[in-house]
């Protein structure tokens, strides 16, 4: 590799940033098994770290862990903070926020709205 190629590789760092959102959970039963699986599956699809905090507890949990998300016992009316740090963090926050806003798409059955 030439020194010119080496310099170009160093000049293209990966852009990372931390993003955060806060949203009220309006799903009828909160994050029971199915919504928790949907949430963590979506979170895992992003290369950044994703954490959640419930009701201002100051305890941040791994948003990609089904055990942590279900263990948080997130009920209807809970205030959920979601933060992401790293590559595609903004996109992850937007997608997870939309998922919560649309009640985890539970109204959809076989590609149709119920």
Protein backbone atom coordinates (compact mmCIF):
# COMPACT_ATOMS: atom_id res chain seq x y z
CA UNK A 1 0.00 0.00 0.00
CA UNK A 2 1.35 3.41 -0.91
CA UNK A 3 1.56 6.22 1.59
CA UNK A 4 -1.11 8.09 -0.38
CA UNK A 5 -3.55 5.15 -0.04
CA UNK A 6 -2.68 4.84 3.64
CA UNK A 7 -3.44 8.54 4.20
CA UNK A 8 -6.85 8.20 2.51
CA UNK A 9 -7.79 5.29 4.74
CA UNK A 10 -6.99 7.33 7.84
CA UNK A 11 -8.97 10.31 6.55
CA UNK A 12 -12.24 8.39 6.34
CA UNK A 13 -13.18 7.68 9.96
CA UNK A 14 -16.57 6.17 10.70
CA UNK A 15 -18.98 8.83 11.88
CA UNK A 16 -20.55 7.98 15.21
CA UNK A 17 -22.84 9.91 17.51
CA UNK A 18 -25.13 9.35 20.45
CA UNK A 19 -28.87 9.88 19.99
CA UNK A 20 -31.71 9.61 22.47
CA UNK A 21 -35.49 9.76 22.51
CA UNK A 22 -38.19 9.52 25.14
CA UNK A 23 -41.62 8.03 24.53
CA UNK A 24 -44.61 6.82 26.50
CA UNK A 25 -45.56 3.19 25.96
CA UNK A 26 -49.21 3.11 24.91
CA UNK A 27 -49.47 -0.56 24.02
CA UNK A 28 -52.33 -2.16 25.95
CA UNK A 29 -50.20 -4.57 27.95
CA UNK A 30 -46.81 -2.93 27.53
CA UNK A 31 -43.78 -4.89 26.39
CA UNK A 32 -44.91 -8.44 26.98
CA UNK A 33 -43.22 -11.30 25.11
CA UNK A 34 -44.14 -10.51 21.50
CA UNK A 35 -43.42 -6.75 21.56
CA UNK A 36 -40.17 -7.40 23.44
CA UNK A 37 -39.04 -9.83 20.74
CA UNK A 38 -39.98 -7.37 17.98
CA UNK A 39 -38.16 -4.52 19.77
CA UNK A 40 -34.95 -6.47 20.41
CA UNK A 41 -34.93 -7.98 16.92
CA UNK A 42 -35.11 -4.49 15.40
CA UNK A 43 -32.48 -3.19 17.83
CA UNK A 44 -30.12 -6.03 16.88
CA UNK A 45 -30.41 -5.08 13.22
CA UNK A 46 -28.35 -1.92 13.89
CA UNK A 47 -24.57 -1.96 14.46
CA UNK A 48 -24.71 0.61 17.27
CA UNK A 49 -25.22 0.05 20.99
CA UNK A 50 -28.82 0.51 22.12
CA UNK A 51 -29.91 0.99 25.72
CA UNK A 52 -33.22 1.67 27.42
CA UNK A 53 -34.22 3.29 30.69
CA UNK A 54 -37.68 2.88 32.21
CA UNK A 55 -39.50 5.56 34.21
CA UNK A 56 -36.40 7.60 35.06
CA UNK A 57 -34.75 4.75 36.97
CA UNK A 58 -31.24 5.89 35.90
CA UNK A 59 -30.54 2.23 35.12
CA UNK A 60 -29.69 1.71 31.46
CA UNK A 61 -30.37 -1.77 30.10
CA UNK A 62 -29.14 -3.45 26.93
CA UNK A 63 -31.92 -2.85 24.40
CA UNK A 64 -30.75 -5.82 22.34
CA UNK A 65 -31.23 -8.30 25.20
CA UNK A 66 -34.63 -10.00 25.31
CA UNK A 67 -33.95 -10.99 28.93
CA UNK A 68 -33.24 -7.39 29.96
CA UNK A 69 -36.17 -5.90 28.03
CA UNK A 70 -38.72 -8.43 29.32
CA UNK A 71 -37.21 -8.24 32.81
CA UNK A 72 -37.79 -4.48 32.90
CA UNK A 73 -41.56 -5.16 33.05
CA UNK A 74 -42.43 -2.18 30.86
CA UNK A 75 -46.15 -1.53 31.27
CA UNK A 76 -48.64 0.72 29.51
CA UNK A 77 -47.95 4.30 30.56
CA UNK A 78 -44.25 3.67 31.24
CA UNK A 79 -41.87 6.38 30.09
CA UNK A 80 -39.23 4.72 27.95
CA UNK A 81 -35.94 6.41 27.11
CA UNK A 82 -34.01 4.87 24.26
CA UNK A 83 -30.43 5.84 23.47
CA UNK A 84 -28.12 4.66 20.76
CA UNK A 85 -24.42 5.26 20.32
CA UNK A 86 -22.40 4.50 17.23
CA UNK A 87 -22.91 3.86 13.56
CA UNK A 88 -26.52 4.37 12.39
CA UNK A 89 -27.57 5.54 15.86
CA UNK A 90 -29.97 8.17 14.50
CA UNK A 91 -31.63 5.64 12.22
CA UNK A 92 -31.93 3.14 15.07
CA UNK A 93 -33.62 5.69 17.33
CA UNK A 94 -36.05 6.71 14.59
CA UNK A 95 -36.96 3.09 13.80
CA UNK A 96 -37.42 2.08 17.45
CA UNK A 97 -39.45 5.20 18.21
CA UNK A 98 -41.73 4.48 15.25
CA UNK A 99 -42.12 0.87 16.39
CA UNK A 100 -43.24 1.96 19.88
CA UNK A 101 -45.52 4.67 18.44
CA UNK A 102 -47.22 2.06 16.23
CA UNK A 103 -47.76 -0.35 19.14
CA UNK A 104 -45.14 -2.81 17.85
CA UNK A 105 -47.22 -3.41 14.72
CA UNK A 106 -49.40 -5.84 16.64
CA UNK A 107 -52.48 -4.73 14.70
CA UNK A 108 -51.03 -6.27 11.56
CA UNK A 109 -52.04 -9.81 10.80
CA UNK A 110 -50.50 -11.53 7.77
CA UNK A 111 -49.55 -8.23 6.18
CA UNK A 112 -52.95 -6.61 6.72
CA UNK A 113 -54.20 -4.20 9.34
CA UNK A 114 -56.63 -5.86 11.70
